[in-house]
Amino acid sequence: MQRRWFLAGSALAAASLAAPARALQDATQVAFDAAWQPITFRRIPPTRFLPEGRRLGVVAEASASLIWRPVPEEARGARRATWRWSVAASVPPTDLGRKGGDDRNLALYFVFSDAATAARAGPGGSLRRLLGNPRVRALIQVWGGEGAPGTIVASPYLPGRGVSVIRRAAGTGDHAEEADLAADHVRAFGTAPEVLIGLAVSSDADDTATRVEALLADLTLG
């Protein structure tokens, strides 16, 4: 029953399936399957992630957590990404630069490193360990916050190593996205990206004690 709540109850989900994001040339489609692993936080209830192949249902109820996976080998040179996402229940606008007050509906992490770090990490590295590495950079494409689309906000959890790129301010709706990851990396960090090594998805509603109902679909890397 839980795995069908969104598909059964929301016209946004139907729209997402009827109008997939534009495919990239030579793209790798990333499935939502057993390759994704949960990351939870002490004393915070976990968000529910409901993987169904090319779709991921998300329910956050005053909760916060992530799922993450290494990038498939054939997609480690990706410089663009497309996906579609829908939000039926939203957190309020928040300051994404404030630790402990940065709730967001959905955040899609693209984790880059230099080639040497990528080779040492291999295909099964820990996300927590990677994000603590000074040679790793995280671009976080966010539906949430209070800035205009395209605004870059330094992550309070990854100083100098991670940024949020606001794609949609807090609110509901249904959108297809295409991200120029290379351009965002240059804007955020002043250098071109090297190797895309990890992906993560999060949804946070613990600080505002609110609820998120969302869907992410058709994630491709190219």
N, C-alpha and C. Protein backbone atom coordinates (compact mmCIF):
# COMPACT_ATOMS: atom_id res chain seq x y z
N MET A 1 0.83 -1.21 0.00
CA MET A 1 0.00 0.00 0.00
C MET A 1 0.87 1.26 0.00
N GLN A 2 1.91 1.28 0.85
CA GLN A 2 2.77 2.45 0.91
C GLN A 2 3.42 2.74 -0.43
N ARG A 3 3.82 1.71 -1.17
CA ARG A 3 4.55 1.91 -2.42
C ARG A 3 3.66 2.48 -3.51
N ARG A 4 2.33 2.44 -3.34
CA ARG A 4 1.43 2.91 -4.39
C ARG A 4 0.76 4.23 -4.03
N TRP A 5 1.08 4.79 -2.86
CA TRP A 5 0.32 5.96 -2.40
C TRP A 5 0.38 7.09 -3.40
N PHE A 6 1.56 7.36 -3.94
CA PHE A 6 1.71 8.55 -4.79
C PHE A 6 1.09 8.31 -6.15
N LEU A 7 1.34 7.14 -6.74
CA LEU A 7 0.81 6.87 -8.07
C LEU A 7 -0.70 6.81 -8.06
N ALA A 8 -1.28 6.33 -6.97
CA ALA A 8 -2.73 6.22 -6.92
C ALA A 8 -3.40 7.55 -6.62
N GLY A 9 -2.67 8.45 -5.91
CA GLY A 9 -3.34 9.61 -5.38
C GLY A 9 -3.00 10.95 -5.98
N SER A 10 -2.15 11.02 -7.02
CA SER A 10 -1.71 12.32 -7.50
C SER A 10 -1.69 12.42 -9.01
N ALA A 11 -2.32 13.46 -9.54
CA ALA A 11 -2.25 13.71 -10.98
C ALA A 11 -0.84 14.11 -11.40
N LEU A 12 -0.04 14.62 -10.46
CA LEU A 12 1.33 15.00 -10.79
C LEU A 12 2.14 13.78 -11.21
N ALA A 13 1.90 12.65 -10.55
CA ALA A 13 2.62 11.44 -10.92
C ALA A 13 2.28 11.02 -12.33
N ALA A 14 1.02 11.09 -12.70
CA ALA A 14 0.62 10.74 -14.06
C ALA A 14 1.27 11.65 -15.08
N ALA A 15 1.35 12.93 -14.76
CA ALA A 15 2.00 13.87 -15.67
C ALA A 15 3.47 13.53 -15.83
N SER A 16 4.12 13.12 -14.76
CA SER A 16 5.53 12.78 -14.84
C SER A 16 5.77 11.60 -15.77
N LEU A 17 4.88 10.63 -15.73
CA LEU A 17 5.06 9.45 -16.57
C LEU A 17 4.69 9.74 -18.01
N ALA A 18 3.76 10.65 -18.22
CA ALA A 18 3.31 10.94 -19.58
C ALA A 18 4.29 11.82 -20.33
N ALA A 19 5.08 12.62 -19.63
CA ALA A 19 5.97 13.58 -20.28
C ALA A 19 7.37 13.47 -19.69
N PRO A 20 8.13 12.42 -20.05
CA PRO A 20 9.45 12.24 -19.48
C PRO A 20 10.40 13.36 -19.87
N ALA A 21 11.45 13.53 -19.07
CA ALA A 21 12.46 14.53 -19.37
C ALA A 21 13.13 14.21 -20.69
N ARG A 22 13.57 15.26 -21.39
CA ARG A 22 14.22 15.08 -22.69
C ARG A 22 15.48 14.25 -22.54
N ALA A 23 15.62 13.22 -23.38
CA ALA A 23 16.76 12.31 -23.28
C ALA A 23 18.04 12.99 -23.77
N LEU A 24 19.15 12.72 -23.10
CA LEU A 24 20.44 13.20 -23.54
C LEU A 24 21.03 12.23 -24.54
N GLN A 25 21.87 12.75 -25.44
CA GLN A 25 22.54 11.89 -26.40
C GLN A 25 23.54 11.01 -25.67
N ASP A 26 23.61 9.72 -26.03
CA ASP A 26 24.51 8.76 -25.40
C ASP A 26 24.34 8.74 -23.88
N ALA A 27 23.10 8.77 -23.44
CA ALA A 27 22.81 8.90 -22.01
C ALA A 27 22.74 7.55 -21.32
N THR A 28 22.99 7.57 -20.03
CA THR A 28 22.79 6.42 -19.15
C THR A 28 21.60 6.72 -18.26
N GLN A 29 20.56 5.87 -18.33
CA GLN A 29 19.43 6.05 -17.42
C GLN A 29 19.75 5.34 -16.11
N VAL A 30 19.53 6.05 -15.02
CA VAL A 30 19.85 5.52 -13.69
C VAL A 30 18.57 5.01 -13.05
N ALA A 31 18.52 3.72 -12.77
CA ALA A 31 17.34 3.13 -12.15
C ALA A 31 17.36 3.35 -10.65
N PHE A 32 16.18 3.41 -10.07
CA PHE A 32 16.02 3.44 -8.61
C PHE A 32 15.78 2.01 -8.16
N ASP A 33 16.84 1.39 -7.67
CA ASP A 33 16.81 -0.04 -7.38
C ASP A 33 17.65 -0.33 -6.15
N ALA A 34 18.08 -1.59 -6.01
CA ALA A 34 18.82 -2.00 -4.81
C ALA A 34 20.23 -1.42 -4.72
N ALA A 35 20.69 -0.77 -5.79
CA ALA A 35 22.03 -0.14 -5.74
C ALA A 35 22.05 1.07 -4.82
N TRP A 36 20.88 1.65 -4.53
CA TRP A 36 20.80 2.82 -3.66
C TRP A 36 20.77 2.38 -2.21
N GLN A 37 21.60 3.02 -1.39
CA GLN A 37 21.71 2.66 0.03
C GLN A 37 21.26 3.82 0.92
N PRO A 38 20.60 3.53 2.05
CA PRO A 38 20.12 4.60 2.93
C PRO A 38 21.22 5.18 3.80
N ILE A 39 21.10 6.48 4.08
CA ILE A 39 21.94 7.16 5.06
C ILE A 39 21.00 7.91 5.99
N THR A 40 21.05 7.60 7.27
CA THR A 40 20.14 8.21 8.24
C THR A 40 20.95 9.01 9.26
N PHE A 41 20.22 9.79 10.09
CA PHE A 41 20.85 10.66 11.07
C PHE A 41 20.30 10.32 12.46
N ARG A 42 21.17 10.39 13.45
CA ARG A 42 20.75 10.06 14.82
C ARG A 42 19.65 10.99 15.29
N ARG A 43 18.65 10.40 15.92
CA ARG A 43 17.54 11.12 16.56
C ARG A 43 16.64 11.87 15.57
N ILE A 44 16.78 11.60 14.27
CA ILE A 44 15.89 12.20 13.28
C ILE A 44 15.18 11.07 12.53
N PRO A 45 13.85 11.08 12.49
CA PRO A 45 13.14 10.03 11.74
C PRO A 45 13.57 10.04 10.28
N PRO A 46 13.69 8.87 9.65
CA PRO A 46 14.10 8.83 8.25
C PRO A 46 12.95 9.14 7.30
N THR A 47 13.28 9.79 6.22
CA THR A 47 12.34 9.97 5.11
C THR A 47 12.10 8.63 4.43
N ARG A 48 10.90 8.44 3.89
CA ARG A 48 10.59 7.20 3.17
C ARG A 48 10.88 7.38 1.69
N PHE A 49 11.69 6.48 1.15
CA PHE A 49 12.00 6.46 -0.28
C PHE A 49 11.43 5.17 -0.86
N LEU A 50 10.65 5.31 -1.92
CA LEU A 50 9.90 4.20 -2.49
C LEU A 50 10.36 3.97 -3.92
N PRO A 51 11.44 3.16 -4.13
CA PRO A 51 12.01 2.98 -5.47
C PRO A 51 11.16 2.04 -6.33
N GLU A 52 10.93 2.44 -7.55
CA GLU A 52 10.15 1.63 -8.50
C GLU A 52 10.75 1.75 -9.90
N GLY A 53 11.99 1.33 -10.05
CA GLY A 53 12.60 1.34 -11.36
C GLY A 53 13.02 2.74 -11.80
N ARG A 54 12.30 3.29 -12.75
CA ARG A 54 12.67 4.64 -13.21
C ARG A 54 12.01 5.73 -12.38
N ARG A 55 11.24 5.37 -11.36
CA ARG A 55 10.57 6.35 -10.49
C ARG A 55 11.00 6.14 -9.05
N LEU A 56 10.98 7.25 -8.31
CA LEU A 56 11.25 7.20 -6.87
C LEU A 56 10.21 8.04 -6.16
N GLY A 57 9.34 7.40 -5.38
CA GLY A 57 8.42 8.14 -4.54
C GLY A 57 9.12 8.57 -3.26
N VAL A 58 8.73 9.73 -2.74
CA VAL A 58 9.37 10.27 -1.54
C VAL A 58 8.30 10.82 -0.61
N VAL A 59 8.36 10.43 0.66
CA VAL A 59 7.48 10.96 1.70
C VAL A 59 8.33 11.36 2.89
N ALA A 60 8.32 12.65 3.20
CA ALA A 60 9.02 13.15 4.40
C ALA A 60 7.98 13.70 5.36
N GLU A 61 8.00 13.21 6.58
CA GLU A 61 7.07 13.68 7.62
C GLU A 61 7.89 14.09 8.83
N ALA A 62 8.24 15.38 8.91
CA ALA A 62 9.12 15.88 9.96
C ALA A 62 10.36 15.00 10.06
N SER A 63 10.93 14.65 8.91
CA SER A 63 12.00 13.68 8.83
C SER A 63 13.12 14.19 7.92
N ALA A 64 14.24 13.46 7.92
CA ALA A 64 15.35 13.78 7.02
C ALA A 64 16.23 12.55 6.87
N SER A 65 16.59 12.22 5.63
CA SER A 65 17.57 11.17 5.35
C SER A 65 17.90 11.22 3.86
N LEU A 66 18.83 10.37 3.45
CA LEU A 66 19.26 10.31 2.06
C LEU A 66 19.26 8.86 1.59
N ILE A 67 19.28 8.71 0.29
CA ILE A 67 19.72 7.46 -0.32
C ILE A 67 20.84 7.82 -1.29
N TRP A 68 21.77 6.89 -1.49
CA TRP A 68 22.90 7.21 -2.36
C TRP A 68 23.41 5.96 -3.07
N ARG A 69 24.11 6.18 -4.19
CA ARG A 69 24.73 5.09 -4.92
C ARG A 69 25.95 5.61 -5.68
N PRO A 70 26.94 4.73 -5.94
CA PRO A 70 28.02 5.11 -6.84
C PRO A 70 27.49 5.27 -8.26
N VAL A 71 28.15 6.10 -9.03
CA VAL A 71 27.75 6.31 -10.42
C VAL A 71 28.20 5.11 -11.26
N PRO A 72 27.35 4.60 -12.16
CA PRO A 72 27.78 3.52 -13.06
C PRO A 72 29.05 3.91 -13.82
N GLU A 73 29.93 2.96 -14.01
CA GLU A 73 31.23 3.25 -14.62
C GLU A 73 31.09 3.99 -15.94
N GLU A 74 30.11 3.61 -16.75
CA GLU A 74 29.96 4.21 -18.08
C GLU A 74 29.49 5.65 -18.03
N ALA A 75 29.05 6.12 -16.87
CA ALA A 75 28.52 7.49 -16.76
C ALA A 75 29.43 8.41 -15.96
N ARG A 76 30.65 7.98 -15.61
CA ARG A 76 31.51 8.79 -14.76
C ARG A 76 32.05 10.03 -15.45
N GLY A 77 31.94 10.07 -16.76
CA GLY A 77 32.35 11.27 -17.49
C GLY A 77 31.19 12.20 -17.79
N ALA A 78 30.03 11.96 -17.22
CA ALA A 78 28.84 12.77 -17.51
C ALA A 78 29.05 14.23 -17.14
N ARG A 79 28.50 15.10 -17.99
CA ARG A 79 28.57 16.54 -17.74
C ARG A 79 27.19 17.19 -17.74
N ARG A 80 26.17 16.42 -18.03
CA ARG A 80 24.79 16.93 -18.00
C ARG A 80 23.90 15.88 -17.36
N ALA A 81 22.74 16.31 -16.90
CA ALA A 81 21.76 15.38 -16.32
C ALA A 81 20.36 15.88 -16.63
N THR A 82 19.44 14.95 -16.83
CA THR A 82 18.03 15.30 -16.96
C THR A 82 17.23 14.45 -16.00
N TRP A 83 16.10 14.98 -15.58
CA TRP A 83 15.18 14.23 -14.73
C TRP A 83 13.84 14.96 -14.72
N ARG A 84 12.86 14.32 -14.13
CA ARG A 84 11.56 14.94 -13.93
C ARG A 84 11.20 14.77 -12.46
N TRP A 85 10.59 15.82 -11.91
CA TRP A 85 10.17 15.70 -10.52
C TRP A 85 8.84 16.41 -10.30
N SER A 86 8.10 15.90 -9.33
CA SER A 86 6.79 16.42 -8.96
C SER A 86 6.73 16.57 -7.45
N VAL A 87 6.06 17.62 -6.99
CA VAL A 87 5.84 17.81 -5.55
C VAL A 87 4.36 18.10 -5.33
N ALA A 88 3.72 17.29 -4.51
CA ALA A 88 2.31 17.46 -4.20
C ALA A 88 2.10 18.12 -2.84
N ALA A 89 3.07 17.99 -1.93
CA ALA A 89 3.03 18.66 -0.63
C ALA A 89 4.43 19.18 -0.35
N SER A 90 4.54 20.47 0.02
CA SER A 90 5.82 21.15 0.08
C SER A 90 6.14 21.69 1.47
N VAL A 91 7.43 21.72 1.79
CA VAL A 91 7.89 22.48 2.95
C VAL A 91 7.80 23.97 2.63
N PRO A 92 7.81 24.85 3.63
CA PRO A 92 7.83 26.29 3.36
C PRO A 92 9.22 26.72 2.87
N PRO A 93 9.34 27.94 2.36
CA PRO A 93 10.67 28.45 1.98
C PRO A 93 11.60 28.49 3.20
N THR A 94 12.85 28.11 2.99
CA THR A 94 13.85 28.11 4.07
C THR A 94 15.16 28.70 3.56
N ASP A 95 16.05 28.99 4.48
CA ASP A 95 17.39 29.47 4.16
C ASP A 95 18.31 28.26 4.02
N LEU A 96 18.68 27.92 2.79
CA LEU A 96 19.48 26.72 2.55
C LEU A 96 20.91 26.87 3.08
N GLY A 97 21.30 28.07 3.43
CA GLY A 97 22.63 28.29 3.98
C GLY A 97 22.69 28.21 5.49
N ARG A 98 21.56 27.90 6.14
CA ARG A 98 21.53 27.88 7.61
C ARG A 98 21.43 26.44 8.11
N LYS A 99 22.44 26.00 8.81
CA LYS A 99 22.42 24.65 9.37
C LYS A 99 21.29 24.54 10.38
N GLY A 100 20.50 23.49 10.24
CA GLY A 100 19.38 23.29 11.15
C GLY A 100 18.14 24.07 10.78
N GLY A 101 18.12 24.67 9.59
CA GLY A 101 16.92 25.38 9.15
C GLY A 101 16.76 25.33 7.65
N ASP A 102 17.27 24.28 7.03
CA ASP A 102 17.40 24.22 5.57
C ASP A 102 16.54 23.13 4.95
N ASP A 103 15.31 22.97 5.42
CA ASP A 103 14.42 21.97 4.82
C ASP A 103 14.23 22.23 3.33
N ARG A 104 14.09 21.14 2.56
CA ARG A 104 13.83 21.26 1.12
C ARG A 104 13.04 20.04 0.67
N ASN A 105 12.26 20.22 -0.37
CA ASN A 105 11.42 19.12 -0.86
C ASN A 105 12.26 17.98 -1.40
N LEU A 106 13.15 18.30 -2.32
CA LEU A 106 14.02 17.30 -2.94
C LEU A 106 15.38 17.91 -3.19
N ALA A 107 16.41 17.12 -3.00
CA ALA A 107 17.76 17.52 -3.33
C ALA A 107 18.44 16.35 -4.04
N LEU A 108 19.00 16.64 -5.21
CA LEU A 108 19.66 15.62 -6.02
C LEU A 108 21.15 15.97 -6.05
N TYR A 109 21.96 15.11 -5.44
CA TYR A 109 23.39 15.35 -5.29
C TYR A 109 24.16 14.73 -6.45
N PHE A 110 25.10 15.51 -7.01
CA PHE A 110 26.05 15.02 -7.99
C PHE A 110 27.44 15.23 -7.38
N VAL A 111 28.12 14.13 -7.08
CA VAL A 111 29.37 14.17 -6.33
C VAL A 111 30.54 13.92 -7.28
N PHE A 112 31.46 14.89 -7.35
CA PHE A 112 32.62 14.82 -8.25
C PHE A 112 33.91 14.73 -7.45
N SER A 113 34.94 14.15 -8.09
CA SER A 113 36.28 14.15 -7.50
C SER A 113 37.31 14.18 -8.61
N ASP A 114 38.57 14.32 -8.22
CA ASP A 114 39.66 14.16 -9.18
C ASP A 114 39.81 12.68 -9.50
N ALA A 115 40.57 12.38 -10.56
CA ALA A 115 40.69 11.00 -11.03
C ALA A 115 41.37 10.10 -10.01
N ALA A 116 42.38 10.61 -9.31
CA ALA A 116 43.09 9.78 -8.34
C ALA A 116 42.18 9.38 -7.18
N THR A 117 41.39 10.32 -6.69
CA THR A 117 40.45 10.01 -5.60
C THR A 117 39.40 9.01 -6.06
N ALA A 118 38.90 9.19 -7.28
CA ALA A 118 37.90 8.27 -7.83
C ALA A 118 38.47 6.85 -7.93
N ALA A 119 39.72 6.74 -8.36
CA ALA A 119 40.34 5.42 -8.49
C ALA A 119 40.51 4.76 -7.13
N ARG A 120 40.90 5.53 -6.12
CA ARG A 120 41.07 4.96 -4.77
C ARG A 120 39.73 4.56 -4.16
N ALA A 121 38.68 5.36 -4.42
CA ALA A 121 37.38 5.08 -3.83
C ALA A 121 36.77 3.80 -4.39
N GLY A 122 37.03 3.51 -5.68
CA GLY A 122 36.45 2.33 -6.30
C GLY A 122 34.95 2.45 -6.41
N PRO A 123 34.27 1.35 -6.76
CA PRO A 123 32.83 1.41 -7.01
C PRO A 123 31.97 1.37 -5.75
N GLY A 124 32.55 1.16 -4.58
CA GLY A 124 31.71 0.97 -3.40
C GLY A 124 32.08 1.85 -2.23
N GLY A 125 32.60 3.05 -2.48
CA GLY A 125 33.03 3.92 -1.40
C GLY A 125 31.86 4.43 -0.57
N SER A 126 32.19 4.88 0.64
CA SER A 126 31.19 5.44 1.55
C SER A 126 30.93 6.90 1.20
N LEU A 127 29.66 7.30 1.13
CA LEU A 127 29.34 8.70 0.84
C LEU A 127 29.86 9.61 1.94
N ARG A 128 29.69 9.23 3.19
CA ARG A 128 30.17 10.06 4.29
C ARG A 128 31.68 10.28 4.18
N ARG A 129 32.42 9.22 3.84
CA ARG A 129 33.86 9.35 3.71
C ARG A 129 34.21 10.24 2.52
N LEU A 130 33.51 10.05 1.42
CA LEU A 130 33.78 10.87 0.24
C LEU A 130 33.53 12.34 0.50
N LEU A 131 32.42 12.66 1.16
CA LEU A 131 32.08 14.06 1.39
C LEU A 131 33.02 14.72 2.39
N GLY A 132 33.77 13.92 3.14
CA GLY A 132 34.77 14.47 4.03
C GLY A 132 36.13 14.67 3.38
N ASN A 133 36.25 14.23 2.12
CA ASN A 133 37.52 14.35 1.40
C ASN A 133 37.66 15.75 0.83
N PRO A 134 38.77 16.44 1.08
CA PRO A 134 38.91 17.82 0.58
C PRO A 134 38.97 17.92 -0.94
N ARG A 135 39.14 16.79 -1.64
CA ARG A 135 39.20 16.82 -3.10
C ARG A 135 37.87 16.48 -3.76
N VAL A 136 36.85 16.32 -2.95
CA VAL A 136 35.51 15.98 -3.46
C VAL A 136 34.63 17.22 -3.43
N ARG A 137 33.80 17.37 -4.47
CA ARG A 137 32.88 18.49 -4.58
C ARG A 137 31.47 17.95 -4.81
N ALA A 138 30.49 18.59 -4.18
CA ALA A 138 29.08 18.17 -4.31
C ALA A 138 28.25 19.31 -4.88
N LEU A 139 27.64 19.05 -6.04
CA LEU A 139 26.63 19.94 -6.61
C LEU A 139 25.27 19.38 -6.22
N ILE A 140 24.48 20.19 -5.52
CA ILE A 140 23.19 19.71 -5.01
C ILE A 140 22.09 20.51 -5.70
N GLN A 141 21.38 19.85 -6.61
CA GLN A 141 20.29 20.49 -7.35
C GLN A 141 19.03 20.39 -6.48
N VAL A 142 18.44 21.53 -6.14
CA VAL A 142 17.44 21.58 -5.06
C VAL A 142 16.11 22.13 -5.54
N TRP A 143 15.03 21.47 -5.11
CA TRP A 143 13.69 22.04 -5.15
C TRP A 143 13.37 22.45 -3.73
N GLY A 144 13.52 23.74 -3.46
CA GLY A 144 13.28 24.26 -2.11
C GLY A 144 14.04 25.55 -1.92
N GLY A 145 14.01 26.08 -0.72
CA GLY A 145 14.68 27.33 -0.44
C GLY A 145 13.84 28.53 -0.84
N GLU A 146 14.50 29.69 -0.87
CA GLU A 146 13.77 30.93 -1.11
C GLU A 146 14.41 31.81 -2.17
N GLY A 147 15.41 31.31 -2.89
CA GLY A 147 16.08 32.10 -3.90
C GLY A 147 15.49 31.88 -5.28
N ALA A 148 15.95 32.70 -6.23
CA ALA A 148 15.53 32.56 -7.62
C ALA A 148 16.21 31.34 -8.24
N PRO A 149 15.59 30.74 -9.27
CA PRO A 149 16.23 29.62 -9.95
C PRO A 149 17.62 30.00 -10.45
N GLY A 150 18.58 29.10 -10.22
CA GLY A 150 19.96 29.35 -10.59
C GLY A 150 20.81 29.88 -9.47
N THR A 151 20.18 30.31 -8.37
CA THR A 151 20.94 30.81 -7.23
C THR A 151 21.80 29.70 -6.63
N ILE A 152 23.05 30.02 -6.34
CA ILE A 152 23.97 29.08 -5.69
C ILE A 152 24.11 29.48 -4.22
N VAL A 153 23.91 28.50 -3.34
CA VAL A 153 24.01 28.72 -1.89
C VAL A 153 25.05 27.76 -1.34
N ALA A 154 26.03 28.29 -0.63
CA ALA A 154 27.05 27.44 -0.02
C ALA A 154 26.43 26.52 1.01
N SER A 155 26.79 25.24 0.98
CA SER A 155 26.26 24.29 1.95
C SER A 155 26.90 24.53 3.32
N PRO A 156 26.08 24.67 4.37
CA PRO A 156 26.66 24.85 5.71
C PRO A 156 27.30 23.57 6.24
N TYR A 157 27.02 22.44 5.60
CA TYR A 157 27.57 21.16 6.04
C TYR A 157 28.85 20.79 5.30
N LEU A 158 29.10 21.41 4.14
CA LEU A 158 30.26 21.09 3.32
C LEU A 158 30.98 22.38 2.93
N PRO A 159 31.50 23.12 3.88
CA PRO A 159 32.09 24.43 3.57
C PRO A 159 33.22 24.32 2.56
N GLY A 160 33.08 25.08 1.46
CA GLY A 160 34.09 25.08 0.41
C GLY A 160 34.04 23.88 -0.51
N ARG A 161 33.19 22.91 -0.20
CA ARG A 161 33.16 21.66 -0.98
C ARG A 161 31.78 21.30 -1.52
N GLY A 162 30.75 22.02 -1.08
CA GLY A 162 29.41 21.69 -1.54
C GLY A 162 28.56 22.92 -1.68
N VAL A 163 27.70 22.93 -2.68
CA VAL A 163 26.76 24.04 -2.89
C VAL A 163 25.40 23.49 -3.27
N SER A 164 24.37 24.25 -2.91
CA SER A 164 23.02 23.99 -3.41
C SER A 164 22.76 24.91 -4.60
N VAL A 165 22.24 24.34 -5.67
CA VAL A 165 21.81 25.11 -6.83
C VAL A 165 20.30 25.08 -6.83
N ILE A 166 19.67 26.22 -6.56
CA ILE A 166 18.21 26.24 -6.50
C ILE A 166 17.65 26.16 -7.92
N ARG A 167 16.88 25.11 -8.16
CA ARG A 167 16.21 24.98 -9.46
C ARG A 167 14.74 25.39 -9.37
N ARG A 168 14.12 25.12 -8.23
CA ARG A 168 12.73 25.51 -7.98
C ARG A 168 12.64 25.95 -6.53
N ALA A 169 12.05 27.10 -6.29
CA ALA A 169 11.80 27.52 -4.91
C ALA A 169 10.73 26.62 -4.30
N ALA A 170 10.62 26.63 -2.99
CA ALA A 170 9.63 25.79 -2.31
C ALA A 170 8.25 26.01 -2.88
N GLY A 171 7.50 24.92 -3.05
CA GLY A 171 6.16 24.98 -3.62
C GLY A 171 5.87 23.67 -4.33
N THR A 172 4.68 23.56 -4.89
CA THR A 172 4.26 22.34 -5.57
C THR A 172 4.31 22.52 -7.08
N GLY A 173 4.19 21.40 -7.79
CA GLY A 173 4.18 21.45 -9.25
C GLY A 173 4.81 20.22 -9.85
N ASP A 174 5.10 20.31 -11.16
CA ASP A 174 5.63 19.18 -11.92
C ASP A 174 6.53 19.76 -13.00
N HIS A 175 7.80 19.37 -13.05
CA HIS A 175 8.75 19.99 -13.97
C HIS A 175 9.75 18.97 -14.51
N ALA A 176 10.14 19.17 -15.76
CA ALA A 176 11.28 18.47 -16.34
C ALA A 176 12.50 19.37 -16.24
N GLU A 177 13.65 18.78 -15.94
CA GLU A 177 14.87 19.55 -15.73
C GLU A 177 15.99 19.04 -16.61
N GLU A 178 16.86 19.95 -17.04
CA GLU A 178 18.13 19.60 -17.66
C GLU A 178 19.21 20.47 -17.02
N ALA A 179 20.17 19.84 -16.37
CA ALA A 179 21.22 20.56 -15.65
C ALA A 179 22.53 20.46 -16.41
N ASP A 180 23.20 21.59 -16.59
CA ASP A 180 24.55 21.64 -17.13
C ASP A 180 25.50 21.54 -15.94
N LEU A 181 25.88 20.33 -15.60
CA LEU A 181 26.69 20.10 -14.41
C LEU A 181 28.07 20.73 -14.54
N ALA A 182 28.63 20.70 -15.74
CA ALA A 182 29.95 21.29 -15.94
C ALA A 182 29.92 22.79 -15.68
N ALA A 183 28.90 23.48 -16.22
CA ALA A 183 28.80 24.93 -16.01
C ALA A 183 28.54 25.25 -14.54
N ASP A 184 27.69 24.47 -13.88
CA ASP A 184 27.43 24.71 -12.45
C ASP A 184 28.70 24.51 -11.62
N HIS A 185 29.50 23.51 -11.98
CA HIS A 185 30.74 23.23 -11.25
C HIS A 185 31.71 24.41 -11.38
N VAL A 186 31.81 24.95 -12.58
CA VAL A 186 32.69 26.11 -12.79
C VAL A 186 32.19 27.31 -12.00
N ARG A 187 30.86 27.56 -12.05
CA ARG A 187 30.30 28.69 -11.30
C ARG A 187 30.53 28.54 -9.80
N ALA A 188 30.38 27.32 -9.31
CA ALA A 188 30.45 27.09 -7.87
C ALA A 188 31.87 27.02 -7.34
N PHE A 189 32.76 26.37 -8.10
CA PHE A 189 34.08 26.05 -7.57
C PHE A 189 35.24 26.63 -8.39
N GLY A 190 34.93 27.22 -9.55
CA GLY A 190 35.96 27.85 -10.35
C GLY A 190 36.80 26.92 -11.19
N THR A 191 36.44 25.63 -11.22
CA THR A 191 37.18 24.64 -12.00
C THR A 191 36.21 23.72 -12.73
N ALA A 192 36.68 23.10 -13.80
CA ALA A 192 35.88 22.11 -14.52
C ALA A 192 35.81 20.82 -13.71
N PRO A 193 34.71 20.09 -13.78
CA PRO A 193 34.62 18.82 -13.07
C PRO A 193 35.49 17.76 -13.71
N GLU A 194 35.88 16.77 -12.92
CA GLU A 194 36.64 15.63 -13.45
C GLU A 194 35.78 14.38 -13.51
N VAL A 195 35.66 13.66 -12.40
CA VAL A 195 34.96 12.37 -12.42
C VAL A 195 33.70 12.46 -11.56
N LEU A 196 32.57 12.07 -12.14
CA LEU A 196 31.31 11.98 -11.38
C LEU A 196 31.29 10.62 -10.69
N ILE A 197 31.36 10.61 -9.37
CA ILE A 197 31.52 9.34 -8.67
C ILE A 197 30.31 8.92 -7.85
N GLY A 198 29.41 9.86 -7.50
CA GLY A 198 28.29 9.47 -6.65
C GLY A 198 27.04 10.28 -6.91
N LEU A 199 25.90 9.68 -6.58
CA LEU A 199 24.59 10.32 -6.67
C LEU A 199 23.88 10.12 -5.33
N ALA A 200 23.09 11.10 -4.93
CA ALA A 200 22.28 10.94 -3.73
C ALA A 200 20.98 11.72 -3.91
N VAL A 201 19.96 11.31 -3.19
CA VAL A 201 18.67 12.00 -3.15
C VAL A 201 18.31 12.18 -1.69
N SER A 202 17.87 13.40 -1.34
CA SER A 202 17.40 13.63 0.03
C SER A 202 16.11 14.43 0.01
N SER A 203 15.41 14.37 1.13
CA SER A 203 14.24 15.20 1.38
C SER A 203 14.21 15.48 2.87
N ASP A 204 14.08 16.78 3.23
CA ASP A 204 14.17 17.20 4.63
C ASP A 204 12.92 17.98 5.02
N ALA A 205 12.27 17.56 6.07
CA ALA A 205 11.13 18.31 6.61
C ALA A 205 11.16 18.33 8.14
N ASP A 206 12.34 18.03 8.72
CA ASP A 206 12.42 17.91 10.17
C ASP A 206 12.46 19.26 10.88
N ASP A 207 13.14 20.25 10.30
CA ASP A 207 13.26 21.54 10.97
C ASP A 207 11.93 22.29 11.04
N THR A 208 11.12 22.17 10.00
CA THR A 208 9.83 22.86 9.97
C THR A 208 8.67 21.96 10.40
N ALA A 209 8.98 20.69 10.72
CA ALA A 209 7.95 19.74 11.16
C ALA A 209 6.77 19.71 10.20
N THR A 210 7.08 19.64 8.89
CA THR A 210 6.06 19.63 7.85
C THR A 210 6.15 18.32 7.06
N ARG A 211 5.47 18.29 5.92
CA ARG A 211 5.35 17.06 5.13
C ARG A 211 5.70 17.35 3.68
N VAL A 212 6.43 16.42 3.07
CA VAL A 212 6.72 16.44 1.64
C VAL A 212 6.14 15.19 1.00
N GLU A 213 5.47 15.36 -0.12
CA GLU A 213 5.07 14.24 -0.98
C GLU A 213 5.62 14.56 -2.36
N ALA A 214 6.48 13.69 -2.88
CA ALA A 214 7.18 14.02 -4.11
C ALA A 214 7.49 12.77 -4.91
N LEU A 215 7.86 13.00 -6.17
CA LEU A 215 8.22 11.93 -7.09
C LEU A 215 9.39 12.41 -7.93
N LEU A 216 10.40 11.56 -8.10
CA LEU A 216 11.54 11.81 -8.99
C LEU A 216 11.54 10.70 -10.02
N ALA A 217 11.73 11.06 -11.30
CA ALA A 217 11.65 10.04 -12.35
C ALA A 217 12.60 10.37 -13.48
N ASP A 218 12.94 9.31 -14.27
CA ASP A 218 13.68 9.45 -15.53
C ASP A 218 15.00 10.19 -15.37
N LEU A 219 15.81 9.78 -14.40
CA LEU A 219 17.12 10.38 -14.18
C LEU A 219 18.10 9.81 -15.20
N THR A 220 18.69 10.69 -16.01
CA THR A 220 19.68 10.27 -16.99
C THR A 220 20.93 11.12 -16.87
N LEU A 221 22.06 10.52 -17.21
CA LEU A 221 23.38 11.19 -17.19
C LEU A 221 23.98 11.10 -18.57
N GLY A 222 24.57 12.20 -19.04
CA GLY A 222 25.15 12.17 -20.38
C GLY A 222 26.22 13.22 -20.56
